[in-house]
Amino acid sequence: MLLDSSLAHPHVGYALGRHVGVAVRRNRLRRQLRVLLKTHETLLQPGFYVFGASPQATKATAQQLAAAVQNIAQSCRSKASQS
């Protein structure tokens, strides 16, 4: 997380290496994360964020993934408030 107040909105990148799974699984997970983070974008301050995932994320249900993303977004928000 690198905060930058000159940006209009958060910029998010995804680091999903081969340890997560084959390309089809990584891309599917990336698409799911992109949609979920878009819904929680208001929790993130303008800046740059990089999200990764473990191999277990490809086996998570949509609800589990959504809960994890919400927790991460809230954690980022609280850490940004402390800075």
PDB file of N, CA and C in Angstrom:
ATOM      1  N   MET A   1       0.849  -1.164   0.000  1.00  0.00           N
ATOM      2  CA  MET A   1       0.000   0.000   0.000  1.00  0.00           C
ATOM      3  C   MET A   1       0.900   1.233   0.000  1.00  0.00           C
ATOM      4  N   LEU A   2       0.685   2.084  -0.978  1.00  0.00           N
ATOM      5  CA  LEU A   2       1.404   3.344  -1.080  1.00  0.00           C
ATOM      6  C   LEU A   2       0.360   4.429  -1.334  1.00  0.00           C
ATOM      7  N   LEU A   3       0.104   5.243  -0.329  1.00  0.00           N
ATOM      8  CA  LEU A   3      -0.923   6.277  -0.450  1.00  0.00           C
ATOM      9  C   LEU A   3      -0.394   7.442  -1.278  1.00  0.00           C
ATOM     10  N   ASP A   4      -1.282   8.007  -2.088  1.00  0.00           N
ATOM     11  CA  ASP A   4      -0.927   9.137  -2.948  1.00  0.00           C
ATOM     12  C   ASP A   4      -2.166  10.000  -3.100  1.00  0.00           C
ATOM     13  N   SER A   5      -2.204  11.105  -2.390  1.00  0.00           N
ATOM     14  CA  SER A   5      -3.395  11.965  -2.394  1.00  0.00           C
ATOM     15  C   SER A   5      -3.605  12.684  -3.721  1.00  0.00           C
ATOM     16  N   SER A   6      -2.612  12.660  -4.604  1.00  0.00           N
ATOM     17  CA  SER A   6      -2.789  13.319  -5.898  1.00  0.00           C
ATOM     18  C   SER A   6      -3.624  12.480  -6.866  1.00  0.00           C
ATOM     19  N   LEU A   7      -3.872  11.225  -6.524  1.00  0.00           N
ATOM     20  CA  LEU A   7      -4.688  10.350  -7.374  1.00  0.00           C
ATOM     21  C   LEU A   7      -6.170  10.566  -7.070  1.00  0.00           C
ATOM     22  N   ALA A   8      -6.996  10.316  -8.055  1.00  0.00           N
ATOM     23  CA  ALA A   8      -8.440  10.469  -7.878  1.00  0.00           C
ATOM     24  C   ALA A   8      -9.067   9.252  -7.206  1.00  0.00           C
ATOM     25  N   HIS A   9      -8.464   8.093  -7.403  1.00  0.00           N
ATOM     26  CA  HIS A   9      -9.022   6.857  -6.842  1.00  0.00           C
ATOM     27  C   HIS A   9      -7.894   5.853  -6.631  1.00  0.00           C
ATOM     28  N   PRO A  10      -8.160   4.761  -5.913  1.00  0.00           N
ATOM     29  CA  PRO A  10      -7.110   3.762  -5.706  1.00  0.00           C
ATOM     30  C   PRO A  10      -6.786   2.987  -6.982  1.00  0.00           C
ATOM     31  N   HIS A  11      -5.521   2.654  -7.152  1.00  0.00           N
ATOM     32  CA  HIS A  11      -5.064   1.823  -8.263  1.00  0.00           C
ATOM     33  C   HIS A  11      -4.644   0.487  -7.673  1.00  0.00           C
ATOM     34  N   VAL A  12      -5.229  -0.587  -8.173  1.00  0.00           N
ATOM     35  CA  VAL A  12      -5.017  -1.907  -7.591  1.00  0.00           C
ATOM     36  C   VAL A  12      -4.347  -2.827  -8.605  1.00  0.00           C
ATOM     37  N   GLY A  13      -3.337  -3.549  -8.131  1.00  0.00           N
ATOM     38  CA  GLY A  13      -2.662  -4.556  -8.937  1.00  0.00           C
ATOM     39  C   GLY A  13      -2.785  -5.908  -8.258  1.00  0.00           C
ATOM     40  N   TYR A  14      -2.605  -6.964  -9.007  1.00  0.00           N
ATOM     41  CA  TYR A  14      -2.753  -8.317  -8.487  1.00  0.00           C
ATOM     42  C   TYR A  14      -1.489  -9.107  -8.780  1.00  0.00           C
ATOM     43  N   ALA A  15      -0.936  -9.743  -7.763  1.00  0.00           N
ATOM     44  CA  ALA A  15       0.263 -10.562  -7.903  1.00  0.00           C
ATOM     45  C   ALA A  15      -0.121 -12.007  -7.601  1.00  0.00           C
ATOM     46  N   LEU A  16      -0.470 -12.725  -8.638  1.00  0.00           N
ATOM     47  CA  LEU A  16      -0.881 -14.118  -8.481  1.00  0.00           C
ATOM     48  C   LEU A  16       0.104 -14.986  -9.260  1.00  0.00           C
ATOM     49  N   GLY A  17       1.050 -15.562  -8.552  1.00  0.00           N
ATOM     50  CA  GLY A  17       2.072 -16.377  -9.188  1.00  0.00           C
ATOM     51  C   GLY A  17       1.580 -17.778  -9.504  1.00  0.00           C
ATOM     52  N   ARG A  18       2.452 -18.545 -10.107  1.00  0.00           N
ATOM     53  CA  ARG A  18       2.105 -19.911 -10.511  1.00  0.00           C
ATOM     54  C   ARG A  18       1.781 -20.819  -9.339  1.00  0.00           C
ATOM     55  N   HIS A  19       2.246 -20.455  -8.143  1.00  0.00           N
ATOM     56  CA  HIS A  19       1.930 -21.273  -6.973  1.00  0.00           C
ATOM     57  C   HIS A  19       0.430 -21.284  -6.671  1.00  0.00           C
ATOM     58  N   VAL A  20      -0.286 -20.278  -7.175  1.00  0.00           N
ATOM     59  CA  VAL A  20      -1.745 -20.197  -6.955  1.00  0.00           C
ATOM     60  C   VAL A  20      -2.467 -21.243  -7.799  1.00  0.00           C
ATOM     61  N   GLY A  21      -1.952 -21.558  -8.957  1.00  0.00           N
ATOM     62  CA  GLY A  21      -2.575 -22.552  -9.822  1.00  0.00           C
ATOM     63  C   GLY A  21      -2.273 -22.265 -11.286  1.00  0.00           C
ATOM     64  N   VAL A  22      -2.920 -23.025 -12.139  1.00  0.00           N
ATOM     65  CA  VAL A  22      -2.720 -22.832 -13.576  1.00  0.00           C
ATOM     66  C   VAL A  22      -3.323 -21.497 -14.000  1.00  0.00           C
ATOM     67  N   ALA A  23      -2.998 -21.058 -15.198  1.00  0.00           N
ATOM     68  CA  ALA A  23      -3.405 -19.730 -15.675  1.00  0.00           C
ATOM     69  C   ALA A  23      -4.914 -19.518 -15.623  1.00  0.00           C
ATOM     70  N   VAL A  24      -5.675 -20.546 -15.940  1.00  0.00           N
ATOM     71  CA  VAL A  24      -7.131 -20.406 -15.931  1.00  0.00           C
ATOM     72  C   VAL A  24      -7.631 -20.059 -14.531  1.00  0.00           C
ATOM     73  N   ARG A  25      -7.094 -20.723 -13.520  1.00  0.00           N
ATOM     74  CA  ARG A  25      -7.508 -20.455 -12.130  1.00  0.00           C
ATOM     75  C   ARG A  25      -7.036 -19.090 -11.668  1.00  0.00           C
ATOM     76  N   ARG A  26      -5.798 -18.742 -12.020  1.00  0.00           N
ATOM     77  CA  ARG A  26      -5.280 -17.431 -11.622  1.00  0.00           C
ATOM     78  C   ARG A  26      -6.100 -16.306 -12.238  1.00  0.00           C
ATOM     79  N   ASN A  27      -6.428 -16.422 -13.515  1.00  0.00           N
ATOM     80  CA  ASN A  27      -7.205 -15.383 -14.187  1.00  0.00           C
ATOM     81  C   ASN A  27      -8.620 -15.288 -13.634  1.00  0.00           C
ATOM     82  N   ARG A  28      -9.214 -16.436 -13.342  1.00  0.00           N
ATOM     83  CA  ARG A  28     -10.561 -16.432 -12.754  1.00  0.00           C
ATOM     84  C   ARG A  28     -10.539 -15.741 -11.393  1.00  0.00           C
ATOM     85  N   LEU A  29      -9.547 -16.073 -10.577  1.00  0.00           N
ATOM     86  CA  LEU A  29      -9.413 -15.450  -9.263  1.00  0.00           C
ATOM     87  C   LEU A  29      -9.166 -13.955  -9.399  1.00  0.00           C
ATOM     88  N   ARG A  30      -8.344 -13.560 -10.345  1.00  0.00           N
ATOM     89  CA  ARG A  30      -8.063 -12.140 -10.584  1.00  0.00           C
ATOM     90  C   ARG A  30      -9.345 -11.390 -10.955  1.00  0.00           C
ATOM     91  N   ARG A  31     -10.156 -12.000 -11.811  1.00  0.00           N
ATOM     92  CA  ARG A  31     -11.430 -11.361 -12.190  1.00  0.00           C
ATOM     93  C   ARG A  31     -12.356 -11.239 -10.986  1.00  0.00           C
ATOM     94  N   GLN A  32     -12.426 -12.283 -10.167  1.00  0.00           N
ATOM     95  CA  GLN A  32     -13.272 -12.235  -8.973  1.00  0.00           C
ATOM     96  C   GLN A  32     -12.792 -11.147  -8.019  1.00  0.00           C
ATOM     97  N   LEU A  33     -11.484 -11.083  -7.797  1.00  0.00           N
ATOM     98  CA  LEU A  33     -10.935 -10.066  -6.898  1.00  0.00           C
ATOM     99  C   LEU A  33     -11.187  -8.664  -7.430  1.00  0.00           C
ATOM    100  N   ARG A  34     -11.065  -8.490  -8.736  1.00  0.00           N
ATOM    101  CA  ARG A  34     -11.289  -7.173  -9.342  1.00  0.00           C
ATOM    102  C   ARG A  34     -12.711  -6.685  -9.076  1.00  0.00           C
ATOM    103  N   VAL A  35     -13.688  -7.567  -9.242  1.00  0.00           N
ATOM    104  CA  VAL A  35     -15.088  -7.200  -9.008  1.00  0.00           C
ATOM    105  C   VAL A  35     -15.317  -6.897  -7.532  1.00  0.00           C
ATOM    106  N   LEU A  36     -14.789  -7.752  -6.659  1.00  0.00           N
ATOM    107  CA  LEU A  36     -14.993  -7.556  -5.225  1.00  0.00           C
ATOM    108  C   LEU A  36     -14.322  -6.279  -4.732  1.00  0.00           C
ATOM    109  N   LEU A  37     -13.130  -6.001  -5.195  1.00  0.00           N
ATOM    110  CA  LEU A  37     -12.452  -4.787  -4.755  1.00  0.00           C
ATOM    111  C   LEU A  37     -13.121  -3.536  -5.303  1.00  0.00           C
ATOM    112  N   LYS A  38     -13.728  -3.643  -6.465  1.00  0.00           N
ATOM    113  CA  LYS A  38     -14.463  -2.500  -7.021  1.00  0.00           C
ATOM    114  C   LYS A  38     -15.637  -2.129  -6.105  1.00  0.00           C
ATOM    115  N   THR A  39     -16.283  -3.136  -5.518  1.00  0.00           N
ATOM    116  CA  THR A  39     -17.409  -2.857  -4.619  1.00  0.00           C
ATOM    117  C   THR A  39     -16.946  -2.269  -3.287  1.00  0.00           C
ATOM    118  N   HIS A  40     -15.691  -2.520  -2.909  1.00  0.00           N
ATOM    119  CA  HIS A  40     -15.158  -1.996  -1.643  1.00  0.00           C
ATOM    120  C   HIS A  40     -14.175  -0.854  -1.870  1.00  0.00           C
ATOM    121  N   GLU A  41     -14.215  -0.275  -3.044  1.00  0.00           N
ATOM    122  CA  GLU A  41     -13.275   0.784  -3.404  1.00  0.00           C
ATOM    123  C   GLU A  41     -13.384   1.993  -2.478  1.00  0.00           C
ATOM    124  N   THR A  42     -14.555   2.241  -1.937  1.00  0.00           N
ATOM    125  CA  THR A  42     -14.734   3.398  -1.060  1.00  0.00           C
ATOM    126  C   THR A  42     -13.969   3.251   0.249  1.00  0.00           C
ATOM    127  N   LEU A  43     -13.614   2.013   0.618  1.00  0.00           N
ATOM    128  CA  LEU A  43     -12.834   1.798   1.838  1.00  0.00           C
ATOM    129  C   LEU A  43     -11.357   2.123   1.638  1.00  0.00           C
ATOM    130  N   LEU A  44     -10.920   2.166   0.391  1.00  0.00           N
ATOM    131  CA  LEU A  44      -9.508   2.394   0.092  1.00  0.00           C
ATOM    132  C   LEU A  44      -9.248   3.855  -0.244  1.00  0.00           C
ATOM    133  N   GLN A  45      -8.223   4.400   0.365  1.00  0.00           N
ATOM    134  CA  GLN A  45      -7.833   5.767   0.058  1.00  0.00           C
ATOM    135  C   GLN A  45      -7.067   5.780  -1.262  1.00  0.00           C
ATOM    136  N   PRO A  46      -7.006   6.925  -1.932  1.00  0.00           N
ATOM    137  CA  PRO A  46      -6.244   6.997  -3.182  1.00  0.00           C
ATOM    138  C   PRO A  46      -4.791   6.579  -2.970  1.00  0.00           C
ATOM    139  N   GLY A  47      -4.324   5.732  -3.840  1.00  0.00           N
ATOM    140  CA  GLY A  47      -2.961   5.241  -3.736  1.00  0.00           C
ATOM    141  C   GLY A  47      -2.791   3.996  -4.581  1.00  0.00           C
ATOM    142  N   PHE A  48      -1.705   3.283  -4.330  1.00  0.00           N
ATOM    143  CA  PHE A  48      -1.394   2.067  -5.071  1.00  0.00           C
ATOM    144  C   PHE A  48      -1.457   0.872  -4.125  1.00  0.00           C
ATOM    145  N   TYR A  49      -2.131  -0.178  -4.552  1.00  0.00           N
ATOM    146  CA  TYR A  49      -2.298  -1.380  -3.748  1.00  0.00           C
ATOM    147  C   TYR A  49      -1.951  -2.596  -4.599  1.00  0.00           C
ATOM    148  N   VAL A  50      -1.300  -3.569  -3.982  1.00  0.00           N
ATOM    149  CA  VAL A  50      -1.007  -4.833  -4.658  1.00  0.00           C
ATOM    150  C   VAL A  50      -1.571  -5.949  -3.787  1.00  0.00           C
ATOM    151  N   PHE A  51      -2.412  -6.776  -4.381  1.00  0.00           N
ATOM    152  CA  PHE A  51      -3.030  -7.888  -3.659  1.00  0.00           C
ATOM    153  C   PHE A  51      -2.528  -9.206  -4.220  1.00  0.00           C
ATOM    154  N   GLY A  52      -2.242 -10.121  -3.343  1.00  0.00           N
ATOM    155  CA  GLY A  52      -1.838 -11.465  -3.710  1.00  0.00           C
ATOM    156  C   GLY A  52      -2.831 -12.454  -3.118  1.00  0.00           C
ATOM    157  N   ALA A  53      -2.618 -13.732  -3.384  1.00  0.00           N
ATOM    158  CA  ALA A  53      -3.517 -14.755  -2.860  1.00  0.00           C
ATOM    159  C   ALA A  53      -2.761 -16.062  -2.700  1.00  0.00           C
ATOM    160  N   SER A  54      -3.263 -16.873  -1.809  1.00  0.00           N
ATOM    161  CA  SER A  54      -2.696 -18.207  -1.613  1.00  0.00           C
ATOM    162  C   SER A  54      -3.450 -19.200  -2.496  1.00  0.00           C
ATOM    163  N   PRO A  55      -2.911 -20.391  -2.682  1.00  0.00           N
ATOM    164  CA  PRO A  55      -3.604 -21.396  -3.501  1.00  0.00           C
ATOM    165  C   PRO A  55      -5.002 -21.754  -2.972  1.00  0.00           C
ATOM    166  N   GLN A  56      -5.221 -21.620  -1.674  1.00  0.00           N
ATOM    167  CA  GLN A  56      -6.531 -21.926  -1.103  1.00  0.00           C
ATOM    168  C   GLN A  56      -7.609 -20.967  -1.588  1.00  0.00           C
ATOM    169  N   ALA A  57      -7.229 -19.795  -2.047  1.00  0.00           N
ATOM    170  CA  ALA A  57      -8.203 -18.810  -2.527  1.00  0.00           C
ATOM    171  C   ALA A  57      -8.967 -19.313  -3.745  1.00  0.00           C
ATOM    172  N   THR A  58      -8.333 -20.162  -4.553  1.00  0.00           N
ATOM    173  CA  THR A  58      -9.026 -20.682  -5.739  1.00  0.00           C
ATOM    174  C   THR A  58     -10.133 -21.658  -5.361  1.00  0.00           C
ATOM    175  N   LYS A  59     -10.092 -22.183  -4.141  1.00  0.00           N
ATOM    176  CA  LYS A  59     -11.101 -23.137  -3.669  1.00  0.00           C
ATOM    177  C   LYS A  59     -12.162 -22.485  -2.795  1.00  0.00           C
ATOM    178  N   ALA A  60     -12.006 -21.207  -2.501  1.00  0.00           N
ATOM    179  CA  ALA A  60     -12.941 -20.499  -1.631  1.00  0.00           C
ATOM    180  C   ALA A  60     -14.263 -20.229  -2.358  1.00  0.00           C
ATOM    181  N   THR A  61     -15.328 -20.210  -1.585  1.00  0.00           N
ATOM    182  CA  THR A  61     -16.633 -19.856  -2.151  1.00  0.00           C
ATOM    183  C   THR A  61     -16.672 -18.352  -2.387  1.00  0.00           C
ATOM    184  N   ALA A  62     -17.653 -17.908  -3.123  1.00  0.00           N
ATOM    185  CA  ALA A  62     -17.795 -16.472  -3.399  1.00  0.00           C
ATOM    186  C   ALA A  62     -17.985 -15.683  -2.102  1.00  0.00           C
ATOM    187  N   GLN A  63     -18.747 -16.246  -1.175  1.00  0.00           N
ATOM    188  CA  GLN A  63     -18.990 -15.570   0.107  1.00  0.00           C
ATOM    189  C   GLN A  63     -17.711 -15.488   0.939  1.00  0.00           C
ATOM    190  N   GLN A  64     -16.918 -16.549   0.942  1.00  0.00           N
ATOM    191  CA  GLN A  64     -15.668 -16.534   1.694  1.00  0.00           C
ATOM    192  C   GLN A  64     -14.693 -15.526   1.094  1.00  0.00           C
ATOM    193  N   LEU A  65     -14.634 -15.488  -0.201  1.00  0.00           N
ATOM    194  CA  LEU A  65     -13.751 -14.548  -0.881  1.00  0.00           C
ATOM    195  C   LEU A  65     -14.200 -13.109  -0.629  1.00  0.00           C
ATOM    196  N   ALA A  66     -15.489 -12.872  -0.670  1.00  0.00           N
ATOM    197  CA  ALA A  66     -16.020 -11.527  -0.411  1.00  0.00           C
ATOM    198  C   ALA A  66     -15.706 -11.080   1.011  1.00  0.00           C
ATOM    199  N   ALA A  67     -15.859 -11.989   1.969  1.00  0.00           N
ATOM    200  CA  ALA A  67     -15.557 -11.654   3.368  1.00  0.00           C
ATOM    201  C   ALA A  67     -14.077 -11.345   3.545  1.00  0.00           C
ATOM    202  N   ALA A  68     -13.217 -12.117   2.892  1.00  0.00           N
ATOM    203  CA  ALA A  68     -11.772 -11.887   2.987  1.00  0.00           C
ATOM    204  C   ALA A  68     -11.400 -10.540   2.385  1.00  0.00           C
ATOM    205  N   VAL A  69     -11.967 -10.214   1.240  1.00  0.00           N
ATOM    206  CA  VAL A  69     -11.670  -8.932   0.590  1.00  0.00           C
ATOM    207  C   VAL A  69     -12.155  -7.771   1.450  1.00  0.00           C
ATOM    208  N   GLN A  70     -13.313  -7.908   2.040  1.00  0.00           N
ATOM    209  CA  GLN A  70     -13.831  -6.849   2.905  1.00  0.00           C
ATOM    210  C   GLN A  70     -12.910  -6.652   4.110  1.00  0.00           C
ATOM    211  N   ASN A  71     -12.449  -7.741   4.714  1.00  0.00           N
ATOM    212  CA  ASN A  71     -11.535  -7.642   5.850  1.00  0.00           C
ATOM    213  C   ASN A  71     -10.227  -6.968   5.454  1.00  0.00           C
ATOM    214  N   ILE A  72      -9.704  -7.321   4.298  1.00  0.00           N
ATOM    215  CA  ILE A  72      -8.453  -6.722   3.825  1.00  0.00           C
ATOM    216  C   ILE A  72      -8.643  -5.235   3.550  1.00  0.00           C
ATOM    217  N   ALA A  73      -9.751  -4.873   2.918  1.00  0.00           N
ATOM    218  CA  ALA A  73     -10.013  -3.460   2.613  1.00  0.00           C
ATOM    219  C   ALA A  73     -10.152  -2.647   3.900  1.00  0.00           C
ATOM    220  N   GLN A  74     -10.815  -3.202   4.890  1.00  0.00           N
ATOM    221  CA  GLN A  74     -10.966  -2.498   6.165  1.00  0.00           C
ATOM    222  C   GLN A  74      -9.626  -2.384   6.882  1.00  0.00           C
ATOM    223  N   SER A  75      -8.809  -3.420   6.768  1.00  0.00           N
ATOM    224  CA  SER A  75      -7.478  -3.387   7.371  1.00  0.00           C
ATOM    225  C   SER A  75      -6.618  -2.307   6.715  1.00  0.00           C
ATOM    226  N   CYS A  76      -6.693  -2.207   5.404  1.00  0.00           N
ATOM    227  CA  CYS A  76      -5.955  -1.162   4.687  1.00  0.00           C
ATOM    228  C   CYS A  76      -6.418   0.218   5.129  1.00  0.00           C
ATOM    229  N   ARG A  77      -7.705   0.358   5.314  1.00  0.00           N
ATOM    230  CA  ARG A  77      -8.258   1.649   5.719  1.00  0.00           C
ATOM    231  C   ARG A  77      -7.766   2.037   7.110  1.00  0.00           C
ATOM    232  N   SER A  78      -7.765   1.086   8.030  1.00  0.00           N
ATOM    233  CA  SER A  78      -7.334   1.398   9.385  1.00  0.00           C
ATOM    234  C   SER A  78      -5.830   1.685   9.421  1.00  0.00           C
ATOM    235  N   LYS A  79      -5.028   0.976   8.626  1.00  0.00           N
ATOM    236  CA  LYS A  79      -3.590   1.240   8.576  1.00  0.00           C
ATOM    237  C   LYS A  79      -3.323   2.605   7.965  1.00  0.00           C
ATOM    238  N   ALA A  80      -4.099   2.983   6.973  1.00  0.00           N
ATOM    239  CA  ALA A  80      -3.923   4.289   6.338  1.00  0.00           C
ATOM    240  C   ALA A  80      -4.294   5.403   7.307  1.00  0.00           C
ATOM    241  N   SER A  81      -5.264   5.163   8.159  1.00  0.00           N
ATOM    242  CA  SER A  81      -5.667   6.174   9.138  1.00  0.00           C
ATOM    243  C   SER A  81      -4.587   6.397  10.175  1.00  0.00           C
ATOM    244  N   GLN A  82      -3.805   5.360  10.461  1.00  0.00           N
ATOM    245  CA  GLN A  82      -2.725   5.463  11.447  1.00  0.00           C
ATOM    246  C   GLN A  82      -1.536   6.217  10.907  1.00  0.00           C
ATOM    247  N   SER A  83      -1.416   6.293   9.593  1.00  0.00           N
ATOM    248  CA  SER A  83      -0.236   6.965   8.992  1.00  0.00           C
ATOM    249  C   SER A  83      -0.342   8.454   9.067  1.00  0.00           C
TER     250      SER A  83
END
